[in-house]
PDB file of N, CA and C in Angstrom:
ATOM      1  N   UNK A   1      24.629 -61.897 190.376  1.00  0.00           N
ATOM      2  CA  UNK A   1      24.081 -61.330 191.592  1.00  0.00           C
ATOM      3  C   UNK A   1      24.536 -62.191 192.770  1.00  0.00           C
ATOM      4  N   UNK A   2      24.941 -61.516 193.845  1.00  0.00           N
ATOM      5  CA  UNK A   2      25.403 -62.206 195.033  1.00  0.00           C
ATOM      6  C   UNK A   2      24.268 -62.385 196.032  1.00  0.00           C
ATOM      7  N   UNK A   3      23.416 -61.356 196.160  1.00  0.00           N
ATOM      8  CA  UNK A   3      22.391 -61.366 197.193  1.00  0.00           C
ATOM      9  C   UNK A   3      21.299 -60.377 196.827  1.00  0.00           C
ATOM     10  N   UNK A   4      20.061 -60.674 197.222  1.00  0.00           N
ATOM     11  CA  UNK A   4      18.994 -59.679 197.120  1.00  0.00           C
ATOM     12  C   UNK A   4      17.919 -59.999 198.141  1.00  0.00           C
ATOM     13  N   UNK A   5      17.278 -58.953 198.619  1.00  0.00           N
ATOM     14  CA  UNK A   5      16.094 -59.074 199.456  1.00  0.00           C
ATOM     15  C   UNK A   5      15.243 -57.834 199.211  1.00  0.00           C
ATOM     16  N   UNK A   6      14.249 -57.578 200.039  1.00  0.00           N
ATOM     17  CA  UNK A   6      13.362 -56.441 199.767  1.00  0.00           C
ATOM     18  C   UNK A   6      14.007 -55.091 200.067  1.00  0.00           C
ATOM     19  N   UNK A   7      15.195 -55.079 200.705  1.00  0.00           N
ATOM     20  CA  UNK A   7      15.876 -53.835 201.037  1.00  0.00           C
ATOM     21  C   UNK A   7      17.092 -53.551 200.162  1.00  0.00           C
ATOM     22  N   UNK A   8      17.678 -54.574 199.555  1.00  0.00           N
ATOM     23  CA  UNK A   8      18.954 -54.365 198.877  1.00  0.00           C
ATOM     24  C   UNK A   8      19.225 -55.434 197.834  1.00  0.00           C
ATOM     25  N   UNK A   9      20.158 -55.090 196.968  1.00  0.00           N
ATOM     26  CA  UNK A   9      20.694 -56.052 196.019  1.00  0.00           C
ATOM     27  C   UNK A   9      22.210 -55.874 196.017  1.00  0.00           C
ATOM     28  N   UNK A  10      22.928 -56.970 196.023  1.00  0.00           N
ATOM     29  CA  UNK A  10      24.393 -56.930 196.013  1.00  0.00           C
ATOM     30  C   UNK A  10      24.918 -57.679 194.798  1.00  0.00           C
ATOM     31  N   UNK A  11      25.941 -57.106 194.215  1.00  0.00           N
ATOM     32  CA  UNK A  11      26.643 -57.739 193.106  1.00  0.00           C
ATOM     33  C   UNK A  11      28.137 -57.718 193.418  1.00  0.00           C
ATOM     34  N   UNK A  12      28.873 -58.592 192.772  1.00  0.00           N
ATOM     35  CA  UNK A  12      30.319 -58.614 192.994  1.00  0.00           C
ATOM     36  C   UNK A  12      31.033 -58.141 191.739  1.00  0.00           C
ATOM     37  N   UNK A  13      31.999 -57.257 191.944  1.00  0.00           N
ATOM     38  CA  UNK A  13      32.800 -56.736 190.852  1.00  0.00           C
ATOM     39  C   UNK A  13      34.217 -57.281 190.959  1.00  0.00           C
ATOM     40  N   UNK A  14      34.879 -57.388 189.808  1.00  0.00           N
ATOM     41  CA  UNK A  14      36.283 -57.775 189.773  1.00  0.00           C
ATOM     42  C   UNK A  14      37.064 -56.654 189.101  1.00  0.00           C
ATOM     43  N   UNK A  15      38.103 -56.197 189.779  1.00  0.00           N
ATOM     44  CA  UNK A  15      38.942 -55.133 189.251  1.00  0.00           C
ATOM     45  C   UNK A  15      39.775 -55.641 188.079  1.00  0.00           C
ATOM     46  N   UNK A  16      39.780 -54.906 186.981  1.00  0.00           N
ATOM     47  CA  UNK A  16      40.633 -55.257 185.847  1.00  0.00           C
ATOM     48  C   UNK A  16      42.082 -54.876 186.142  1.00  0.00           C
ATOM     49  N   UNK A  17      42.261 -54.011 187.109  1.00  0.00           N
ATOM     50  CA  UNK A  17      43.604 -53.557 187.479  1.00  0.00           C
ATOM     51  C   UNK A  17      44.381 -54.630 188.234  1.00  0.00           C
ATOM     52  N   UNK A  18      43.732 -55.242 189.254  1.00  0.00           N
ATOM     53  CA  UNK A  18      44.464 -56.193 190.096  1.00  0.00           C
ATOM     54  C   UNK A  18      43.697 -57.493 190.388  1.00  0.00           C
ATOM     55  N   UNK A  19      42.566 -57.702 189.715  1.00  0.00           N
ATOM     56  CA  UNK A  19      41.744 -58.912 189.868  1.00  0.00           C
ATOM     57  C   UNK A  19      41.138 -59.086 191.255  1.00  0.00           C
ATOM     58  N   UNK A  20      41.132 -58.043 192.085  1.00  0.00           N
ATOM     59  CA  UNK A  20      40.480 -58.138 193.384  1.00  0.00           C
ATOM     60  C   UNK A  20      38.971 -58.078 193.199  1.00  0.00           C
ATOM     61  N   UNK A  21      38.262 -58.819 194.038  1.00  0.00           N
ATOM     62  CA  UNK A  21      36.799 -58.810 194.027  1.00  0.00           C
ATOM     63  C   UNK A  21      36.289 -57.976 195.192  1.00  0.00           C
ATOM     64  N   UNK A  22      35.153 -57.301 194.970  1.00  0.00           N
ATOM     65  CA  UNK A  22      34.506 -56.582 196.060  1.00  0.00           C
ATOM     66  C   UNK A  22      33.015 -56.489 195.782  1.00  0.00           C
ATOM     67  N   UNK A  23      32.210 -56.594 196.839  1.00  0.00           N
ATOM     68  CA  UNK A  23      30.762 -56.492 196.680  1.00  0.00           C
ATOM     69  C   UNK A  23      30.284 -55.047 196.737  1.00  0.00           C
ATOM     70  N   UNK A  24      29.270 -54.772 195.959  1.00  0.00           N
ATOM     71  CA  UNK A  24      28.578 -53.485 195.979  1.00  0.00           C
ATOM     72  C   UNK A  24      27.136 -53.774 196.349  1.00  0.00           C
ATOM     73  N   UNK A  25      26.656 -53.137 197.401  1.00  0.00           N
ATOM     74  CA  UNK A  25      25.273 -53.308 197.838  1.00  0.00           C
ATOM     75  C   UNK A  25      24.536 -52.000 197.621  1.00  0.00           C
ATOM     76  N   UNK A  26      23.435 -52.057 196.893  1.00  0.00           N
ATOM     77  CA  UNK A  26      22.578 -50.900 196.656  1.00  0.00           C
ATOM     78  C   UNK A  26      21.334 -51.080 197.518  1.00  0.00           C
ATOM     79  N   UNK A  27      21.086 -50.069 198.362  1.00  0.00           N
ATOM     80  CA  UNK A  27      20.021 -50.125 199.358  1.00  0.00           C
ATOM     81  C   UNK A  27      18.897 -49.173 198.984  1.00  0.00           C
ATOM     82  N   UNK A  28      17.678 -49.607 199.181  1.00  0.00           N
ATOM     83  CA  UNK A  28      16.534 -48.700 199.172  1.00  0.00           C
ATOM     84  C   UNK A  28      15.723 -49.037 200.413  1.00  0.00           C
ATOM     85  N   UNK A  29      15.854 -48.187 201.420  1.00  0.00           N
ATOM     86  CA  UNK A  29      15.179 -48.431 202.692  1.00  0.00           C
ATOM     87  C   UNK A  29      13.761 -47.876 202.658  1.00  0.00           C
ATOM     88  N   UNK A  30      12.869 -48.470 203.417  1.00  0.00           N
ATOM     89  CA  UNK A  30      11.475 -48.028 203.441  1.00  0.00           C
ATOM     90  C   UNK A  30      11.309 -46.653 204.087  1.00  0.00           C
ATOM     91  N   UNK A  31      10.146 -46.066 203.870  1.00  0.00           N
ATOM     92  CA  UNK A  31       9.841 -44.742 204.426  1.00  0.00           C
ATOM     93  C   UNK A  31       9.009 -44.800 205.705  1.00  0.00           C
ATOM     94  N   UNK A  32       8.269 -45.868 205.923  1.00  0.00           N
ATOM     95  CA  UNK A  32       7.414 -45.932 207.103  1.00  0.00           C
ATOM     96  C   UNK A  32       8.217 -46.314 208.337  1.00  0.00           C
ATOM     97  N   UNK A  33       7.782 -45.840 209.487  1.00  0.00           N
ATOM     98  CA  UNK A  33       8.501 -46.073 210.734  1.00  0.00           C
ATOM     99  C   UNK A  33       8.686 -47.562 211.019  1.00  0.00           C
ATOM    100  N   UNK A  34       7.622 -48.332 210.915  1.00  0.00           N
ATOM    101  CA  UNK A  34       7.715 -49.764 211.210  1.00  0.00           C
ATOM    102  C   UNK A  34       8.680 -50.478 210.271  1.00  0.00           C
ATOM    103  N   UNK A  35       8.610 -50.160 209.007  1.00  0.00           N
ATOM    104  CA  UNK A  35       9.496 -50.818 208.030  1.00  0.00           C
ATOM    105  C   UNK A  35      10.933 -50.322 208.155  1.00  0.00           C
ATOM    106  N   UNK A  36      11.112 -49.036 208.571  1.00  0.00           N
ATOM    107  CA  UNK A  36      12.469 -48.542 208.818  1.00  0.00           C
ATOM    108  C   UNK A  36      13.115 -49.340 209.942  1.00  0.00           C
ATOM    109  N   UNK A  37      12.349 -49.620 210.988  1.00  0.00           N
ATOM    110  CA  UNK A  37      12.884 -50.410 212.098  1.00  0.00           C
ATOM    111  C   UNK A  37      13.259 -51.814 211.627  1.00  0.00           C
ATOM    112  N   UNK A  38      12.432 -52.389 210.768  1.00  0.00           N
ATOM    113  CA  UNK A  38      12.720 -53.709 210.208  1.00  0.00           C
ATOM    114  C   UNK A  38      14.014 -53.661 209.376  1.00  0.00           C
ATOM    115  N   UNK A  39      14.137 -52.604 208.558  1.00  0.00           N
ATOM    116  CA  UNK A  39      15.348 -52.425 207.766  1.00  0.00           C
ATOM    117  C   UNK A  39      16.579 -52.292 208.663  1.00  0.00           C
ATOM    118  N   UNK A  40      16.489 -51.451 209.696  1.00  0.00           N
ATOM    119  CA  UNK A  40      17.627 -51.230 210.583  1.00  0.00           C
ATOM    120  C   UNK A  40      18.030 -52.498 211.321  1.00  0.00           C
ATOM    121  N   UNK A  41      17.058 -53.312 211.667  1.00  0.00           N
ATOM    122  CA  UNK A  41      17.356 -54.597 212.306  1.00  0.00           C
ATOM    123  C   UNK A  41      18.160 -55.475 211.348  1.00  0.00           C
ATOM    124  N   UNK A  42      17.722 -55.547 210.097  1.00  0.00           N
ATOM    125  CA  UNK A  42      18.439 -56.337 209.096  1.00  0.00           C
ATOM    126  C   UNK A  42      19.823 -55.739 208.818  1.00  0.00           C
ATOM    127  N   UNK A  43      19.874 -54.425 208.547  1.00  0.00           N
ATOM    128  CA  UNK A  43      21.106 -53.749 208.164  1.00  0.00           C
ATOM    129  C   UNK A  43      22.163 -53.862 209.261  1.00  0.00           C
ATOM    130  N   UNK A  44      21.754 -53.640 210.502  1.00  0.00           N
ATOM    131  CA  UNK A  44      22.686 -53.678 211.617  1.00  0.00           C
ATOM    132  C   UNK A  44      23.213 -55.066 211.931  1.00  0.00           C
ATOM    133  N   UNK A  45      22.584 -56.085 211.385  1.00  0.00           N
ATOM    134  CA  UNK A  45      23.011 -57.459 211.659  1.00  0.00           C
ATOM    135  C   UNK A  45      23.692 -58.143 210.475  1.00  0.00           C
ATOM    136  N   UNK A  46      24.050 -57.360 209.463  1.00  0.00           N
ATOM    137  CA  UNK A  46      24.807 -57.927 208.348  1.00  0.00           C
ATOM    138  C   UNK A  46      26.165 -58.370 208.884  1.00  0.00           C
ATOM    139  N   UNK A  47      26.596 -59.512 208.443  1.00  0.00           N
ATOM    140  CA  UNK A  47      27.888 -60.047 208.882  1.00  0.00           C
ATOM    141  C   UNK A  47      28.841 -60.053 207.694  1.00  0.00           C
ATOM    142  N   UNK A  48      29.540 -58.933 207.519  1.00  0.00           N
ATOM    143  CA  UNK A  48      30.500 -58.818 206.418  1.00  0.00           C
ATOM    144  C   UNK A  48      31.900 -59.014 206.999  1.00  0.00           C
ATOM    145  N   UNK A  49      32.656 -59.992 206.492  1.00  0.00           N
ATOM    146  CA  UNK A  49      34.014 -60.198 207.002  1.00  0.00           C
ATOM    147  C   UNK A  49      34.862 -58.932 206.890  1.00  0.00           C
ATOM    148  N   UNK A  50      35.657 -58.672 207.899  1.00  0.00           N
ATOM    149  CA  UNK A  50      36.451 -57.453 207.982  1.00  0.00           C
ATOM    150  C   UNK A  50      37.426 -57.286 206.821  1.00  0.00           C
ATOM    151  N   UNK A  51      37.940 -58.365 206.277  1.00  0.00           N
ATOM    152  CA  UNK A  51      38.942 -58.283 205.216  1.00  0.00           C
ATOM    153  C   UNK A  51      38.337 -57.984 203.842  1.00  0.00           C
ATOM    154  N   UNK A  52      37.027 -57.947 203.740  1.00  0.00           N
ATOM    155  CA  UNK A  52      36.367 -57.673 202.459  1.00  0.00           C
ATOM    156  C   UNK A  52      36.114 -56.178 202.318  1.00  0.00           C
ATOM    157  N   UNK A  53      36.549 -55.607 201.184  1.00  0.00           N
ATOM    158  CA  UNK A  53      36.249 -54.212 200.868  1.00  0.00           C
ATOM    159  C   UNK A  53      34.831 -54.158 200.307  1.00  0.00           C
ATOM    160  N   UNK A  54      33.936 -53.523 201.047  1.00  0.00           N
ATOM    161  CA  UNK A  54      32.511 -53.542 200.740  1.00  0.00           C
ATOM    162  C   UNK A  54      32.021 -52.120 200.536  1.00  0.00           C
ATOM    163  N   UNK A  55      31.298 -51.868 199.457  1.00  0.00           N
ATOM    164  CA  UNK A  55      30.690 -50.566 199.211  1.00  0.00           C
ATOM    165  C   UNK A  55      29.181 -50.685 199.376  1.00  0.00           C
ATOM    166  N   UNK A  56      28.605 -49.709 200.072  1.00  0.00           N
ATOM    167  CA  UNK A  56      27.161 -49.659 200.280  1.00  0.00           C
ATOM    168  C   UNK A  56      26.685 -48.280 199.831  1.00  0.00           C
ATOM    169  N   UNK A  57      25.738 -48.250 198.906  1.00  0.00           N
ATOM    170  CA  UNK A  57      25.185 -47.000 198.397  1.00  0.00           C
ATOM    171  C   UNK A  57      23.670 -47.128 198.356  1.00  0.00           C
ATOM    172  N   UNK A  58      22.993 -46.015 198.187  1.00  0.00           N
ATOM    173  CA  UNK A  58      21.556 -46.079 197.993  1.00  0.00           C
ATOM    174  C   UNK A  58      20.805 -45.000 198.722  1.00  0.00           C
ATOM    175  N   UNK A  59      19.527 -45.194 198.828  1.00  0.00           N
ATOM    176  CA  UNK A  59      18.621 -44.271 199.510  1.00  0.00           C
ATOM    177  C   UNK A  59      18.212 -44.922 200.818  1.00  0.00           C
ATOM    178  N   UNK A  60      18.798 -44.460 201.903  1.00  0.00           N
ATOM    179  CA  UNK A  60      18.534 -45.054 203.206  1.00  0.00           C
ATOM    180  C   UNK A  60      17.271 -44.493 203.862  1.00  0.00           C
ATOM    181  N   UNK A  61      16.771 -43.361 203.384  1.00  0.00           N
ATOM    182  CA  UNK A  61      15.589 -42.722 203.972  1.00  0.00           C
ATOM    183  C   UNK A  61      15.755 -42.528 205.479  1.00  0.00           C
ATOM    184  N   UNK A  62      16.986 -42.267 205.902  1.00  0.00           N
ATOM    185  CA  UNK A  62      17.309 -42.050 207.313  1.00  0.00           C
ATOM    186  C   UNK A  62      18.327 -40.923 207.408  1.00  0.00           C
ATOM    187  N   UNK A  63      18.417 -40.335 208.584  1.00  0.00           N
ATOM    188  CA  UNK A  63      19.341 -39.234 208.821  1.00  0.00           C
ATOM    189  C   UNK A  63      20.414 -39.642 209.807  1.00  0.00           C
ATOM    190  N   UNK A  64      21.556 -38.936 209.768  1.00  0.00           N
ATOM    191  CA  UNK A  64      22.661 -39.203 210.683  1.00  0.00           C
ATOM    192  C   UNK A  64      22.704 -38.238 211.856  1.00  0.00           C
ATOM    193  N   UNK A  65      22.212 -36.990 211.661  1.00  0.00           N
ATOM    194  CA  UNK A  65      22.320 -35.970 212.702  1.00  0.00           C
ATOM    195  C   UNK A  65      20.998 -35.224 212.844  1.00  0.00           C
ATOM    196  N   UNK A  66      20.651 -34.812 214.068  1.00  0.00           N
ATOM    197  CA  UNK A  66      19.405 -34.046 214.266  1.00  0.00           C
ATOM    198  C   UNK A  66      19.366 -32.762 213.442  1.00  0.00           C
ATOM    199  N   UNK A  67      20.509 -32.137 213.219  1.00  0.00           N
ATOM    200  CA  UNK A  67      20.504 -30.886 212.449  1.00  0.00           C
ATOM    201  C   UNK A  67      20.199 -31.095 210.971  1.00  0.00           C
ATOM    202  N   UNK A  68      20.165 -32.346 210.498  1.00  0.00           N
ATOM    203  CA  UNK A  68      19.802 -32.629 209.112  1.00  0.00           C
ATOM    204  C   UNK A  68      18.290 -32.709 208.903  1.00  0.00           C
ATOM    205  N   UNK A  69      17.533 -32.671 209.984  1.00  0.00           N
ATOM    206  CA  UNK A  69      16.076 -32.781 209.885  1.00  0.00           C
ATOM    207  C   UNK A  69      15.531 -31.551 209.178  1.00  0.00           C
ATOM    208  N   UNK A  70      14.799 -31.760 208.090  1.00  0.00           N
ATOM    209  CA  UNK A  70      14.230 -30.641 207.344  1.00  0.00           C
ATOM    210  C   UNK A  70      12.703 -30.688 207.293  1.00  0.00           C
ATOM    211  N   UNK A  71      12.120 -31.608 208.049  1.00  0.00           N
ATOM    212  CA  UNK A  71      10.656 -31.681 208.118  1.00  0.00           C
ATOM    213  C   UNK A  71      10.265 -32.444 209.377  1.00  0.00           C
ATOM    214  N   UNK A  72       9.024 -32.259 209.788  1.00  0.00           N
ATOM    215  CA  UNK A  72       8.550 -32.989 210.956  1.00  0.00           C
ATOM    216  C   UNK A  72       8.397 -34.459 210.613  1.00  0.00           C
ATOM    217  N   UNK A  73       8.501 -35.302 211.619  1.00  0.00           N
ATOM    218  CA  UNK A  73       8.322 -36.728 211.409  1.00  0.00           C
ATOM    219  C   UNK A  73       9.609 -37.520 211.535  1.00  0.00           C
ATOM    220  N   UNK A  74      10.743 -36.835 211.632  1.00  0.00           N
ATOM    221  CA  UNK A  74      12.007 -37.558 211.832  1.00  0.00           C
ATOM    222  C   UNK A  74      12.148 -37.863 213.312  1.00  0.00           C
ATOM    223  N   UNK A  75      12.524 -39.059 213.618  1.00  0.00           N
ATOM    224  CA  UNK A  75      12.608 -39.500 215.001  1.00  0.00           C
ATOM    225  C   UNK A  75      14.066 -39.646 215.408  1.00  0.00           C
ATOM    226  N   UNK A  76      14.400 -39.085 216.576  1.00  0.00           N
ATOM    227  CA  UNK A  76      15.766 -39.152 217.073  1.00  0.00           C
ATOM    228  C   UNK A  76      16.219 -40.590 217.300  1.00  0.00           C
ATOM    229  N   UNK A  77      15.297 -41.464 217.682  1.00  0.00           N
ATOM    230  CA  UNK A  77      15.655 -42.858 217.895  1.00  0.00           C
ATOM    231  C   UNK A  77      16.111 -43.514 216.591  1.00  0.00           C
ATOM    232  N   UNK A  78      15.502 -43.150 215.464  1.00  0.00           N
ATOM    233  CA  UNK A  78      15.935 -43.674 214.165  1.00  0.00           C
ATOM    234  C   UNK A  78      17.360 -43.225 213.857  1.00  0.00           C
ATOM    235  N   UNK A  79      17.671 -41.961 214.169  1.00  0.00           N
ATOM    236  CA  UNK A  79      19.018 -41.439 213.957  1.00  0.00           C
ATOM    237  C   UNK A  79      20.007 -42.257 214.781  1.00  0.00           C
ATOM    238  N   UNK A  80      19.665 -42.495 216.045  1.00  0.00           N
ATOM    239  CA  UNK A  80      20.521 -43.291 216.922  1.00  0.00           C
ATOM    240  C   UNK A  80      20.713 -44.704 216.360  1.00  0.00           C
ATOM    241  N   UNK A  81      19.624 -45.350 215.971  1.00  0.00           N
ATOM    242  CA  UNK A  81      19.704 -46.725 215.463  1.00  0.00           C
ATOM    243  C   UNK A  81      20.495 -46.810 214.156  1.00  0.00           C
ATOM    244  N   UNK A  82      20.321 -45.816 213.287  1.00  0.00           N
ATOM    245  CA  UNK A  82      21.056 -45.789 212.019  1.00  0.00           C
ATOM    246  C   UNK A  82      22.552 -45.637 212.282  1.00  0.00           C
ATOM    247  N   UNK A  83      22.922 -44.692 213.135  1.00  0.00           N
ATOM    248  CA  UNK A  83      24.333 -44.496 213.468  1.00  0.00           C
ATOM    249  C   UNK A  83      24.923 -45.715 214.166  1.00  0.00           C
ATOM    250  N   UNK A  84      24.118 -46.364 214.996  1.00  0.00           N
ATOM    251  CA  UNK A  84      24.569 -47.579 215.666  1.00  0.00           C
ATOM    252  C   UNK A  84      24.876 -48.681 214.640  1.00  0.00           C
ATOM    253  N   UNK A  85      24.001 -48.836 213.649  1.00  0.00           N
ATOM    254  CA  UNK A  85      24.214 -49.850 212.609  1.00  0.00           C
ATOM    255  C   UNK A  85      25.456 -49.531 211.790  1.00  0.00           C
ATOM    256  N   UNK A  86      25.636 -48.262 211.423  1.00  0.00           N
ATOM    257  CA  UNK A  86      26.810 -47.848 210.648  1.00  0.00           C
ATOM    258  C   UNK A  86      28.086 -48.132 211.436  1.00  0.00           C
ATOM    259  N   UNK A  87      28.059 -47.827 212.715  1.00  0.00           N
ATOM    260  CA  UNK A  87      29.214 -48.064 213.577  1.00  0.00           C
ATOM    261  C   UNK A  87      29.500 -49.558 213.719  1.00  0.00           C
ATOM    262  N   UNK A  88      28.453 -50.328 213.941  1.00  0.00           N
ATOM    263  CA  UNK A  88      28.604 -51.779 214.104  1.00  0.00           C
ATOM    264  C   UNK A  88      29.204 -52.414 212.849  1.00  0.00           C
ATOM    265  N   UNK A  89      28.812 -51.919 211.685  1.00  0.00           N
ATOM    266  CA  UNK A  89      29.318 -52.441 210.418  1.00  0.00           C
ATOM    267  C   UNK A  89      30.687 -51.855 210.058  1.00  0.00           C
ATOM    268  N   UNK A  90      31.147 -50.893 210.854  1.00  0.00           N
ATOM    269  CA  UNK A  90      32.441 -50.244 210.644  1.00  0.00           C
ATOM    270  C   UNK A  90      32.506 -49.569 209.277  1.00  0.00           C
ATOM    271  N   UNK A  91      31.384 -48.937 208.870  1.00  0.00           N
ATOM    272  CA  UNK A  91      31.326 -48.235 207.588  1.00  0.00           C
ATOM    273  C   UNK A  91      31.876 -46.825 207.738  1.00  0.00           C
ATOM    274  N   UNK A  92      32.424 -46.313 206.662  1.00  0.00           N
ATOM    275  CA  UNK A  92      32.941 -44.953 206.624  1.00  0.00           C
ATOM    276  C   UNK A  92      32.183 -44.207 205.536  1.00  0.00           C
ATOM    277  N   UNK A  93      31.611 -43.065 205.889  1.00  0.00           N
ATOM    278  CA  UNK A  93      30.896 -42.256 204.905  1.00  0.00           C
ATOM    279  C   UNK A  93      31.889 -41.443 204.094  1.00  0.00           C
ATOM    280  N   UNK A  94      31.686 -41.423 202.788  1.00  0.00           N
ATOM    281  CA  UNK A  94      32.452 -40.484 201.975  1.00  0.00           C
ATOM    282  C   UNK A  94      31.473 -39.762 201.067  1.00  0.00           C
ATOM    283  N   UNK A  95      31.630 -38.436 200.969  1.00  0.00           N
ATOM    284  CA  UNK A  95      30.665 -37.626 200.222  1.00  0.00           C
ATOM    285  C   UNK A  95      30.753 -37.842 198.718  1.00  0.00           C
ATOM    286  N   UNK A  96      29.620 -37.693 198.080  1.00  0.00           N
ATOM    287  CA  UNK A  96      29.585 -37.730 196.627  1.00  0.00           C
ATOM    288  C   UNK A  96      30.144 -36.424 196.076  1.00  0.00           C
ATOM    289  N   UNK A  97      30.623 -36.437 194.861  1.00  0.00           N
ATOM    290  CA  UNK A  97      31.184 -35.247 194.230  1.00  0.00           C
ATOM    291  C   UNK A  97      30.188 -34.090 194.260  1.00  0.00           C
ATOM    292  N   UNK A  98      30.640 -32.952 194.759  1.00  0.00           N
ATOM    293  CA  UNK A  98      29.832 -31.722 194.835  1.00  0.00           C
ATOM    294  C   UNK A  98      28.593 -31.851 195.711  1.00  0.00           C
ATOM    295  N   UNK A  99      28.599 -32.781 196.651  1.00  0.00           N
ATOM    296  CA  UNK A  99      27.473 -32.930 197.567  1.00  0.00           C
ATOM    297  C   UNK A  99      27.976 -32.829 198.996  1.00  0.00           C
ATOM    298  N   UNK A 100      27.344 -31.991 199.794  1.00  0.00           N
ATOM    299  CA  UNK A 100      27.746 -31.887 201.189  1.00  0.00           C
ATOM    300  C   UNK A 100      27.195 -33.062 201.986  1.00  0.00           C
ATOM    301  N   UNK A 101      26.001 -33.510 201.644  1.00  0.00           N
ATOM    302  CA  UNK A 101      25.365 -34.606 202.365  1.00  0.00           C
ATOM    303  C   UNK A 101      25.113 -35.754 201.405  1.00  0.00           C
ATOM    304  N   UNK A 102      25.311 -36.963 201.890  1.00  0.00           N
ATOM    305  CA  UNK A 102      24.973 -38.121 201.074  1.00  0.00           C
ATOM    306  C   UNK A 102      23.810 -38.898 201.682  1.00  0.00           C
ATOM    307  N   UNK A 103      23.306 -38.452 202.838  1.00  0.00           N
ATOM    308  CA  UNK A 103      22.258 -39.196 203.531  1.00  0.00           C
ATOM    309  C   UNK A 103      20.898 -38.555 203.378  1.00  0.00           C
ATOM    310  N   UNK A 104      20.800 -37.359 202.822  1.00  0.00           N
ATOM    311  CA  UNK A 104      19.525 -36.676 202.730  1.00  0.00           C
ATOM    312  C   UNK A 104      19.441 -35.850 201.449  1.00  0.00           C
ATOM    313  N   UNK A 105      18.239 -35.479 201.074  1.00  0.00           N
ATOM    314  CA  UNK A 105      18.075 -34.638 199.887  1.00  0.00           C
ATOM    315  C   UNK A 105      18.040 -33.158 200.254  1.00  0.00           C
ATOM    316  N   UNK A 106      18.454 -32.828 201.449  1.00  0.00           N
ATOM    317  CA  UNK A 106      18.424 -31.438 201.944  1.00  0.00           C
ATOM    318  C   UNK A 106      19.211 -30.502 201.066  1.00  0.00           C
TER     319      UNK A 106
END
């Protein structure tokens, strides 16, 4: 194990193909507004070196777009903060096989 806290656990993998190492972080973000803000503060301030290939997966309990809202209680500010963190970390979303969305259970 490389890292763990109350929001995530990271492990490092080594490719058998070329011996390159890369970290995988599995996230489970909280559901309450206050804890989501705490998570976003932590997530947006991760300092991952640019040359490292990093994968982040998990249940973020957050949305990327207002049109993804499928129930009351989603806050536009959370969407903004989540997208800001993703942008700051220079992450690229890629869809899971046969799934249109990877950020929601819609």
